[in-house]
PDB file of N, CA and C in Angstrom:
ATOM      1  N   UNK A   1     132.043  71.819  42.774  1.00  0.00           N
ATOM      2  CA  UNK A   1     131.785  70.808  43.769  1.00  0.00           C
ATOM      3  C   UNK A   1     130.362  70.296  43.597  1.00  0.00           C
ATOM      4  N   UNK A   2     130.193  68.984  43.590  1.00  0.00           N
ATOM      5  CA  UNK A   2     128.887  68.377  43.410  1.00  0.00           C
ATOM      6  C   UNK A   2     128.047  68.451  44.673  1.00  0.00           C
ATOM      7  N   UNK A   3     126.836  68.083  44.525  1.00  0.00           N
ATOM      8  CA  UNK A   3     125.959  68.105  45.690  1.00  0.00           C
ATOM      9  C   UNK A   3     126.295  66.929  46.615  1.00  0.00           C
ATOM     10  N   UNK A   4     125.948  67.044  47.894  1.00  0.00           N
ATOM     11  CA  UNK A   4     126.249  65.960  48.828  1.00  0.00           C
ATOM     12  C   UNK A   4     125.443  64.702  48.486  1.00  0.00           C
ATOM     13  N   UNK A   5     126.024  63.563  48.795  1.00  0.00           N
ATOM     14  CA  UNK A   5     125.371  62.297  48.494  1.00  0.00           C
ATOM     15  C   UNK A   5     124.147  62.092  49.386  1.00  0.00           C
ATOM     16  N   UNK A   6     123.136  61.502  48.817  1.00  0.00           N
ATOM     17  CA  UNK A   6     121.908  61.217  49.545  1.00  0.00           C
ATOM     18  C   UNK A   6     122.096  60.042  50.507  1.00  0.00           C
ATOM     19  N   UNK A   7     123.081  59.177  50.212  1.00  0.00           N
ATOM     20  CA  UNK A   7     123.298  57.963  50.985  1.00  0.00           C
ATOM     21  C   UNK A   7     124.651  58.009  51.675  1.00  0.00           C
ATOM     22  N   UNK A   8     124.746  57.402  52.852  1.00  0.00           N
ATOM     23  CA  UNK A   8     126.046  57.353  53.533  1.00  0.00           C
ATOM     24  C   UNK A   8     127.073  56.596  52.692  1.00  0.00           C
ATOM     25  N   UNK A   9     128.300  57.044  52.762  1.00  0.00           N
ATOM     26  CA  UNK A   9     129.376  56.447  51.961  1.00  0.00           C
ATOM     27  C   UNK A   9     129.574  54.976  52.312  1.00  0.00           C
ATOM     28  N   UNK A  10     129.446  54.623  53.590  1.00  0.00           N
ATOM     29  CA  UNK A  10     129.628  53.230  54.003  1.00  0.00           C
ATOM     30  C   UNK A  10     128.588  52.322  53.344  1.00  0.00           C
ATOM     31  N   UNK A  11     127.354  52.813  53.240  1.00  0.00           N
ATOM     32  CA  UNK A  11     126.284  52.042  52.620  1.00  0.00           C
ATOM     33  C   UNK A  11     126.568  51.832  51.128  1.00  0.00           C
ATOM     34  N   UNK A  12     127.029  52.894  50.459  1.00  0.00           N
ATOM     35  CA  UNK A  12     127.344  52.775  49.043  1.00  0.00           C
ATOM     36  C   UNK A  12     128.516  51.822  48.825  1.00  0.00           C
ATOM     37  N   UNK A  13     129.528  51.908  49.674  1.00  0.00           N
ATOM     38  CA  UNK A  13     130.679  51.015  49.541  1.00  0.00           C
ATOM     39  C   UNK A  13     130.263  49.561  49.745  1.00  0.00           C
ATOM     40  N   UNK A  14     129.375  49.329  50.690  1.00  0.00           N
ATOM     41  CA  UNK A  14     128.867  47.972  50.916  1.00  0.00           C
ATOM     42  C   UNK A  14     128.116  47.472  49.686  1.00  0.00           C
ATOM     43  N   UNK A  15     127.283  48.328  49.114  1.00  0.00           N
ATOM     44  CA  UNK A  15     126.546  47.959  47.905  1.00  0.00           C
ATOM     45  C   UNK A  15     127.466  47.668  46.731  1.00  0.00           C
ATOM     46  N   UNK A  16     128.491  48.481  46.570  1.00  0.00           N
ATOM     47  CA  UNK A  16     129.458  48.261  45.490  1.00  0.00           C
ATOM     48  C   UNK A  16     130.170  46.934  45.690  1.00  0.00           C
ATOM     49  N   UNK A  17     130.614  46.689  46.930  1.00  0.00           N
ATOM     50  CA  UNK A  17     131.326  45.447  47.225  1.00  0.00           C
ATOM     51  C   UNK A  17     130.438  44.236  46.965  1.00  0.00           C
ATOM     52  N   UNK A  18     129.172  44.303  47.390  1.00  0.00           N
ATOM     53  CA  UNK A  18     128.251  43.195  47.150  1.00  0.00           C
ATOM     54  C   UNK A  18     128.023  42.976  45.659  1.00  0.00           C
ATOM     55  N   UNK A  19     127.864  44.056  44.920  1.00  0.00           N
ATOM     56  CA  UNK A  19     127.622  43.931  43.478  1.00  0.00           C
ATOM     57  C   UNK A  19     128.821  43.316  42.767  1.00  0.00           C
ATOM     58  N   UNK A  20     130.020  43.700  43.174  1.00  0.00           N
ATOM     59  CA  UNK A  20     131.216  43.195  42.507  1.00  0.00           C
ATOM     60  C   UNK A  20     131.554  41.765  42.927  1.00  0.00           C
ATOM     61  N   UNK A  21     131.297  41.424  44.180  1.00  0.00           N
ATOM     62  CA  UNK A  21     131.737  40.128  44.687  1.00  0.00           C
ATOM     63  C   UNK A  21     130.690  39.029  44.572  1.00  0.00           C
ATOM     64  N   UNK A  22     129.432  39.382  44.732  1.00  0.00           N
ATOM     65  CA  UNK A  22     128.413  38.339  44.793  1.00  0.00           C
ATOM     66  C   UNK A  22     127.855  37.952  43.430  1.00  0.00           C
ATOM     67  N   UNK A  23     127.898  38.852  42.473  1.00  0.00           N
ATOM     68  CA  UNK A  23     127.342  38.556  41.165  1.00  0.00           C
ATOM     69  C   UNK A  23     125.830  38.727  41.104  1.00  0.00           C
ATOM     70  N   UNK A  24     125.212  39.166  42.205  1.00  0.00           N
ATOM     71  CA  UNK A  24     123.766  39.415  42.201  1.00  0.00           C
ATOM     72  C   UNK A  24     123.470  40.677  41.390  1.00  0.00           C
ATOM     73  N   UNK A  25     122.284  40.776  40.826  1.00  0.00           N
ATOM     74  CA  UNK A  25     121.929  41.985  40.076  1.00  0.00           C
ATOM     75  C   UNK A  25     121.941  43.226  40.975  1.00  0.00           C
ATOM     76  N   UNK A  26     122.383  44.332  40.418  1.00  0.00           N
ATOM     77  CA  UNK A  26     122.491  45.587  41.155  1.00  0.00           C
ATOM     78  C   UNK A  26     121.133  46.022  41.686  1.00  0.00           C
ATOM     79  N   UNK A  27     120.072  45.800  40.923  1.00  0.00           N
ATOM     80  CA  UNK A  27     118.738  46.220  41.355  1.00  0.00           C
ATOM     81  C   UNK A  27     118.317  45.509  42.635  1.00  0.00           C
ATOM     82  N   UNK A  28     118.632  44.224  42.756  1.00  0.00           N
ATOM     83  CA  UNK A  28     118.271  43.475  43.961  1.00  0.00           C
ATOM     84  C   UNK A  28     119.068  43.951  45.166  1.00  0.00           C
ATOM     85  N   UNK A  29     120.350  44.197  44.955  1.00  0.00           N
ATOM     86  CA  UNK A  29     121.201  44.680  46.046  1.00  0.00           C
ATOM     87  C   UNK A  29     120.732  46.056  46.502  1.00  0.00           C
ATOM     88  N   UNK A  30     120.427  46.922  45.533  1.00  0.00           N
ATOM     89  CA  UNK A  30     119.961  48.269  45.859  1.00  0.00           C
ATOM     90  C   UNK A  30     118.659  48.214  46.652  1.00  0.00           C
ATOM     91  N   UNK A  31     117.755  47.349  46.243  1.00  0.00           N
ATOM     92  CA  UNK A  31     116.487  47.217  46.962  1.00  0.00           C
ATOM     93  C   UNK A  31     116.727  46.753  48.388  1.00  0.00           C
ATOM     94  N   UNK A  32     117.616  45.762  48.569  1.00  0.00           N
ATOM     95  CA  UNK A  32     117.909  45.250  49.904  1.00  0.00           C
ATOM     96  C   UNK A  32     118.515  46.314  50.815  1.00  0.00           C
ATOM     97  N   UNK A  33     119.315  47.207  50.232  1.00  0.00           N
ATOM     98  CA  UNK A  33     119.988  48.233  51.024  1.00  0.00           C
ATOM     99  C   UNK A  33     119.198  49.534  51.125  1.00  0.00           C
ATOM    100  N   UNK A  34     118.125  49.659  50.356  1.00  0.00           N
ATOM    101  CA  UNK A  34     117.327  50.890  50.391  1.00  0.00           C
ATOM    102  C   UNK A  34     117.950  52.021  49.587  1.00  0.00           C
ATOM    103  N   UNK A  35     118.666  51.663  48.541  1.00  0.00           N
ATOM    104  CA  UNK A  35     119.308  52.637  47.658  1.00  0.00           C
ATOM    105  C   UNK A  35     118.595  52.580  46.314  1.00  0.00           C
ATOM    106  N   UNK A  36     118.553  53.712  45.609  1.00  0.00           N
ATOM    107  CA  UNK A  36     117.969  53.661  44.273  1.00  0.00           C
ATOM    108  C   UNK A  36     118.918  52.871  43.358  1.00  0.00           C
ATOM    109  N   UNK A  37     118.366  52.019  42.500  1.00  0.00           N
ATOM    110  CA  UNK A  37     119.210  51.209  41.618  1.00  0.00           C
ATOM    111  C   UNK A  37     120.130  52.038  40.728  1.00  0.00           C
ATOM    112  N   UNK A  38     119.644  53.192  40.254  1.00  0.00           N
ATOM    113  CA  UNK A  38     120.467  54.019  39.372  1.00  0.00           C
ATOM    114  C   UNK A  38     121.691  54.573  40.089  1.00  0.00           C
ATOM    115  N   UNK A  39     121.518  54.973  41.343  1.00  0.00           N
ATOM    116  CA  UNK A  39     122.648  55.514  42.106  1.00  0.00           C
ATOM    117  C   UNK A  39     123.708  54.441  42.322  1.00  0.00           C
ATOM    118  N   UNK A  40     123.261  53.249  42.702  1.00  0.00           N
ATOM    119  CA  UNK A  40     124.213  52.167  42.932  1.00  0.00           C
ATOM    120  C   UNK A  40     124.854  51.717  41.623  1.00  0.00           C
ATOM    121  N   UNK A  41     124.058  51.627  40.569  1.00  0.00           N
ATOM    122  CA  UNK A  41     124.574  51.204  39.268  1.00  0.00           C
ATOM    123  C   UNK A  41     125.673  52.151  38.788  1.00  0.00           C
ATOM    124  N   UNK A  42     125.454  53.447  38.989  1.00  0.00           N
ATOM    125  CA  UNK A  42     126.457  54.440  38.590  1.00  0.00           C
ATOM    126  C   UNK A  42     127.763  54.229  39.352  1.00  0.00           C
ATOM    127  N   UNK A  43     127.669  54.024  40.658  1.00  0.00           N
ATOM    128  CA  UNK A  43     128.875  53.836  41.474  1.00  0.00           C
ATOM    129  C   UNK A  43     129.572  52.517  41.137  1.00  0.00           C
ATOM    130  N   UNK A  44     128.798  51.484  40.812  1.00  0.00           N
ATOM    131  CA  UNK A  44     129.399  50.202  40.435  1.00  0.00           C
ATOM    132  C   UNK A  44     130.141  50.352  39.113  1.00  0.00           C
ATOM    133  N   UNK A  45     129.570  51.091  38.174  1.00  0.00           N
ATOM    134  CA  UNK A  45     130.249  51.330  36.889  1.00  0.00           C
ATOM    135  C   UNK A  45     131.574  52.053  37.099  1.00  0.00           C
ATOM    136  N   UNK A  46     131.573  53.033  37.985  1.00  0.00           N
ATOM    137  CA  UNK A  46     132.820  53.740  38.277  1.00  0.00           C
ATOM    138  C   UNK A  46     133.854  52.800  38.878  1.00  0.00           C
ATOM    139  N   UNK A  47     133.406  51.941  39.774  1.00  0.00           N
ATOM    140  CA  UNK A  47     134.325  50.988  40.401  1.00  0.00           C
ATOM    141  C   UNK A  47     134.855  49.990  39.379  1.00  0.00           C
ATOM    142  N   UNK A  48     134.003  49.536  38.486  1.00  0.00           N
ATOM    143  CA  UNK A  48     134.430  48.572  37.460  1.00  0.00           C
ATOM    144  C   UNK A  48     135.364  49.196  36.446  1.00  0.00           C
ATOM    145  N   UNK A  49     135.224  50.484  36.215  1.00  0.00           N
ATOM    146  CA  UNK A  49     136.079  51.138  35.230  1.00  0.00           C
ATOM    147  C   UNK A  49     137.502  51.297  35.744  1.00  0.00           C
ATOM    148  N   UNK A  50     137.682  51.072  37.031  1.00  0.00           N
ATOM    149  CA  UNK A  50     139.016  51.171  37.596  1.00  0.00           C
ATOM    150  C   UNK A  50     139.357  52.552  38.098  1.00  0.00           C
ATOM    151  N   UNK A  51     138.383  53.431  38.156  1.00  0.00           N
ATOM    152  CA  UNK A  51     138.636  54.759  38.694  1.00  0.00           C
ATOM    153  C   UNK A  51     138.893  54.622  40.185  1.00  0.00           C
ATOM    154  N   UNK A  52     140.075  54.996  40.617  1.00  0.00           N
ATOM    155  CA  UNK A  52     140.388  54.837  42.028  1.00  0.00           C
ATOM    156  C   UNK A  52     140.138  56.127  42.791  1.00  0.00           C
ATOM    157  N   UNK A  53     140.204  56.044  44.103  1.00  0.00           N
ATOM    158  CA  UNK A  53     139.881  57.188  44.957  1.00  0.00           C
ATOM    159  C   UNK A  53     140.868  58.337  44.776  1.00  0.00           C
ATOM    160  N   UNK A  54     142.107  58.026  44.407  1.00  0.00           N
ATOM    161  CA  UNK A  54     143.114  59.069  44.243  1.00  0.00           C
ATOM    162  C   UNK A  54     142.981  59.778  42.901  1.00  0.00           C
ATOM    163  N   UNK A  55     142.151  59.259  42.015  1.00  0.00           N
ATOM    164  CA  UNK A  55     141.976  59.867  40.707  1.00  0.00           C
ATOM    165  C   UNK A  55     143.133  59.575  39.766  1.00  0.00           C
ATOM    166  N   UNK A  56     143.858  58.517  40.040  1.00  0.00           N
ATOM    167  CA  UNK A  56     145.000  58.141  39.212  1.00  0.00           C
ATOM    168  C   UNK A  56     144.565  57.452  37.942  1.00  0.00           C
ATOM    169  N   UNK A  57     145.536  56.808  37.310  1.00  0.00           N
ATOM    170  CA  UNK A  57     145.270  56.112  36.059  1.00  0.00           C
ATOM    171  C   UNK A  57     144.322  54.939  36.277  1.00  0.00           C
ATOM    172  N   UNK A  58     143.397  54.733  35.355  1.00  0.00           N
ATOM    173  CA  UNK A  58     142.510  53.568  35.482  1.00  0.00           C
ATOM    174  C   UNK A  58     143.293  52.277  35.279  1.00  0.00           C
ATOM    175  N   UNK A  59     142.769  51.205  35.821  1.00  0.00           N
ATOM    176  CA  UNK A  59     143.416  49.902  35.711  1.00  0.00           C
ATOM    177  C   UNK A  59     143.295  49.361  34.295  1.00  0.00           C
ATOM    178  N   UNK A  60     144.257  48.547  33.886  1.00  0.00           N
ATOM    179  CA  UNK A  60     144.180  47.907  32.580  1.00  0.00           C
ATOM    180  C   UNK A  60     143.150  46.786  32.639  1.00  0.00           C
ATOM    181  N   UNK A  61     142.744  46.285  31.491  1.00  0.00           N
ATOM    182  CA  UNK A  61     141.743  45.219  31.470  1.00  0.00           C
ATOM    183  C   UNK A  61     142.276  43.965  32.157  1.00  0.00           C
ATOM    184  N   UNK A  62     143.548  43.703  32.011  1.00  0.00           N
ATOM    185  CA  UNK A  62     144.156  42.539  32.665  1.00  0.00           C
ATOM    186  C   UNK A  62     144.122  42.700  34.193  1.00  0.00           C
ATOM    187  N   UNK A  63     144.437  43.907  34.663  1.00  0.00           N
ATOM    188  CA  UNK A  63     144.394  44.173  36.098  1.00  0.00           C
ATOM    189  C   UNK A  63     142.963  44.092  36.631  1.00  0.00           C
ATOM    190  N   UNK A  64     142.010  44.584  35.836  1.00  0.00           N
ATOM    191  CA  UNK A  64     140.615  44.502  36.243  1.00  0.00           C
ATOM    192  C   UNK A  64     140.142  43.059  36.349  1.00  0.00           C
ATOM    193  N   UNK A  65     140.531  42.241  35.379  1.00  0.00           N
ATOM    194  CA  UNK A  65     140.152  40.826  35.423  1.00  0.00           C
ATOM    195  C   UNK A  65     140.716  40.152  36.660  1.00  0.00           C
ATOM    196  N   UNK A  66     141.978  40.430  36.961  1.00  0.00           N
ATOM    197  CA  UNK A  66     142.592  39.834  38.151  1.00  0.00           C
ATOM    198  C   UNK A  66     141.924  40.347  39.419  1.00  0.00           C
ATOM    199  N   UNK A  67     141.611  41.631  39.448  1.00  0.00           N
ATOM    200  CA  UNK A  67     140.934  42.208  40.602  1.00  0.00           C
ATOM    201  C   UNK A  67     139.576  41.544  40.821  1.00  0.00           C
ATOM    202  N   UNK A  68     138.806  41.361  39.760  1.00  0.00           N
ATOM    203  CA  UNK A  68     137.491  40.714  39.875  1.00  0.00           C
ATOM    204  C   UNK A  68     137.639  39.264  40.334  1.00  0.00           C
ATOM    205  N   UNK A  69     138.628  38.565  39.778  1.00  0.00           N
ATOM    206  CA  UNK A  69     138.859  37.172  40.181  1.00  0.00           C
ATOM    207  C   UNK A  69     139.223  37.090  41.664  1.00  0.00           C
ATOM    208  N   UNK A  70     140.100  37.980  42.097  1.00  0.00           N
ATOM    209  CA  UNK A  70     140.511  37.972  43.496  1.00  0.00           C
ATOM    210  C   UNK A  70     139.375  38.360  44.428  1.00  0.00           C
ATOM    211  N   UNK A  71     138.537  39.288  44.011  1.00  0.00           N
ATOM    212  CA  UNK A  71     137.386  39.670  44.839  1.00  0.00           C
ATOM    213  C   UNK A  71     136.398  38.518  44.962  1.00  0.00           C
ATOM    214  N   UNK A  72     136.143  37.816  43.854  1.00  0.00           N
ATOM    215  CA  UNK A  72     135.250  36.658  43.916  1.00  0.00           C
ATOM    216  C   UNK A  72     135.824  35.583  44.831  1.00  0.00           C
ATOM    217  N   UNK A  73     137.121  35.324  44.676  1.00  0.00           N
ATOM    218  CA  UNK A  73     137.779  34.320  45.508  1.00  0.00           C
ATOM    219  C   UNK A  73     137.727  34.724  46.979  1.00  0.00           C
ATOM    220  N   UNK A  74     137.964  35.989  47.256  1.00  0.00           N
ATOM    221  CA  UNK A  74     137.905  36.495  48.622  1.00  0.00           C
ATOM    222  C   UNK A  74     136.497  36.326  49.201  1.00  0.00           C
ATOM    223  N   UNK A  75     135.490  36.630  48.392  1.00  0.00           N
ATOM    224  CA  UNK A  75     134.105  36.478  48.831  1.00  0.00           C
ATOM    225  C   UNK A  75     133.811  35.022  49.187  1.00  0.00           C
ATOM    226  N   UNK A  76     134.216  34.102  48.316  1.00  0.00           N
ATOM    227  CA  UNK A  76     133.974  32.676  48.566  1.00  0.00           C
ATOM    228  C   UNK A  76     134.731  32.192  49.799  1.00  0.00           C
ATOM    229  N   UNK A  77     135.953  32.643  49.979  1.00  0.00           N
ATOM    230  CA  UNK A  77     136.735  32.227  51.141  1.00  0.00           C
ATOM    231  C   UNK A  77     136.133  32.762  52.438  1.00  0.00           C
ATOM    232  N   UNK A  78     135.650  33.984  52.414  1.00  0.00           N
ATOM    233  CA  UNK A  78     134.997  34.541  53.611  1.00  0.00           C
ATOM    234  C   UNK A  78     133.728  33.766  53.938  1.00  0.00           C
ATOM    235  N   UNK A  79     132.978  33.408  52.907  1.00  0.00           N
ATOM    236  CA  UNK A  79     131.751  32.645  53.122  1.00  0.00           C
ATOM    237  C   UNK A  79     132.071  31.262  53.683  1.00  0.00           C
ATOM    238  N   UNK A  80     133.083  30.604  53.126  1.00  0.00           N
ATOM    239  CA  UNK A  80     133.484  29.291  53.632  1.00  0.00           C
ATOM    240  C   UNK A  80     133.988  29.392  55.066  1.00  0.00           C
ATOM    241  N   UNK A  81     134.698  30.456  55.381  1.00  0.00           N
ATOM    242  CA  UNK A  81     135.194  30.661  56.738  1.00  0.00           C
ATOM    243  C   UNK A  81     134.043  30.803  57.735  1.00  0.00           C
ATOM    244  N   UNK A  82     133.002  31.536  57.351  1.00  0.00           N
ATOM    245  CA  UNK A  82     131.833  31.682  58.233  1.00  0.00           C
ATOM    246  C   UNK A  82     131.149  30.333  58.462  1.00  0.00           C
ATOM    247  N   UNK A  83     131.056  29.521  57.434  1.00  0.00           N
ATOM    248  CA  UNK A  83     130.453  28.195  57.567  1.00  0.00           C
ATOM    249  C   UNK A  83     131.286  27.336  58.511  1.00  0.00           C
ATOM    250  N   UNK A  84     132.595  27.387  58.356  1.00  0.00           N
ATOM    251  CA  UNK A  84     133.472  26.606  59.227  1.00  0.00           C
ATOM    252  C   UNK A  84     133.406  27.080  60.677  1.00  0.00           C
ATOM    253  N   UNK A  85     133.295  28.381  60.876  1.00  0.00           N
ATOM    254  CA  UNK A  85     133.153  28.896  62.238  1.00  0.00           C
ATOM    255  C   UNK A  85     131.869  28.386  62.872  1.00  0.00           C
ATOM    256  N   UNK A  86     130.781  28.413  62.123  1.00  0.00           N
ATOM    257  CA  UNK A  86     129.498  27.927  62.648  1.00  0.00           C
ATOM    258  C   UNK A  86     129.570  26.442  62.963  1.00  0.00           C
ATOM    259  N   UNK A  87     130.215  25.690  62.092  1.00  0.00           N
ATOM    260  CA  UNK A  87     130.342  24.250  62.314  1.00  0.00           C
ATOM    261  C   UNK A  87     131.199  23.962  63.539  1.00  0.00           C
ATOM    262  N   UNK A  88     132.266  24.717  63.734  1.00  0.00           N
ATOM    263  CA  UNK A  88     133.123  24.474  64.895  1.00  0.00           C
ATOM    264  C   UNK A  88     132.395  24.774  66.190  1.00  0.00           C
ATOM    265  N   UNK A  89     131.548  25.802  66.197  1.00  0.00           N
ATOM    266  CA  UNK A  89     130.754  26.102  67.391  1.00  0.00           C
ATOM    267  C   UNK A  89     129.771  24.961  67.654  1.00  0.00           C
ATOM    268  N   UNK A  90     129.149  24.464  66.603  1.00  0.00           N
ATOM    269  CA  UNK A  90     128.201  23.367  66.752  1.00  0.00           C
ATOM    270  C   UNK A  90     128.879  22.129  67.340  1.00  0.00           C
ATOM    271  N   UNK A  91     130.011  21.751  66.773  1.00  0.00           N
ATOM    272  CA  UNK A  91     130.695  20.551  67.244  1.00  0.00           C
ATOM    273  C   UNK A  91     131.328  20.752  68.616  1.00  0.00           C
ATOM    274  N   UNK A  92     131.732  21.968  68.932  1.00  0.00           N
ATOM    275  CA  UNK A  92     132.273  22.229  70.266  1.00  0.00           C
ATOM    276  C   UNK A  92     131.193  22.038  71.317  1.00  0.00           C
ATOM    277  N   UNK A  93     129.979  22.421  71.010  1.00  0.00           N
ATOM    278  CA  UNK A  93     128.873  22.213  71.949  1.00  0.00           C
ATOM    279  C   UNK A  93     128.589  20.720  72.125  1.00  0.00           C
ATOM    280  N   UNK A  94     128.720  19.978  71.053  1.00  0.00           N
ATOM    281  CA  UNK A  94     128.482  18.527  71.111  1.00  0.00           C
ATOM    282  C   UNK A  94     129.549  17.810  71.932  1.00  0.00           C
ATOM    283  N   UNK A  95     130.763  18.316  71.884  1.00  0.00           N
ATOM    284  CA  UNK A  95     131.873  17.673  72.575  1.00  0.00           C
ATOM    285  C   UNK A  95     132.123  18.218  73.969  1.00  0.00           C
ATOM    286  N   UNK A  96     131.313  19.168  74.379  1.00  0.00           N
ATOM    287  CA  UNK A  96     131.504  19.784  75.692  1.00  0.00           C
ATOM    288  C   UNK A  96     131.343  18.725  76.783  1.00  0.00           C
ATOM    289  N   UNK A  97     132.396  18.493  77.537  1.00  0.00           N
ATOM    290  CA  UNK A  97     132.379  17.464  78.565  1.00  0.00           C
ATOM    291  C   UNK A  97     131.599  17.898  79.794  1.00  0.00           C
ATOM    292  N   UNK A  98     131.434  19.162  80.014  1.00  0.00           N
ATOM    293  CA  UNK A  98     130.717  19.656  81.193  1.00  0.00           C
ATOM    294  C   UNK A  98     129.203  19.596  81.024  1.00  0.00           C
ATOM    295  N   UNK A  99     128.769  19.285  79.860  1.00  0.00           N
ATOM    296  CA  UNK A  99     127.332  19.249  79.591  1.00  0.00           C
ATOM    297  C   UNK A  99     126.720  18.006  80.230  1.00  0.00           C
ATOM    298  N   UNK A 100     125.656  18.175  80.985  1.00  0.00           N
ATOM    299  CA  UNK A 100     124.987  16.988  81.581  1.00  0.00           C
ATOM    300  C   UNK A 100     124.373  16.145  80.493  1.00  0.00           C
ATOM    301  N   UNK A 101     124.493  14.814  80.692  1.00  0.00           N
ATOM    302  CA  UNK A 101     123.956  13.885  79.694  1.00  0.00           C
ATOM    303  C   UNK A 101     122.817  13.084  80.244  1.00  0.00           C
TER     304      UNK A 101
END
């Protein structure tokens, strides 16, 4: 059994997700999250290799490519959704009929 992780699992998972979806360098993400770059880089490599939590067979290169494409698309869609939510709040305030003019 290995030694316990220095960082909370949720923090590492967030760092891995950001590294895979955003395309930003691992060192910058690690610095932003307060993680050592080597620790995050190691976990990102494991995630990219297709090693899953169950310890099953690694993903094929075709499956990995599709997974990366879908993660990027998901990231962009979530970002666009946040922009649309902000815009709808802005325009709802503008159209509020109860607002004194």
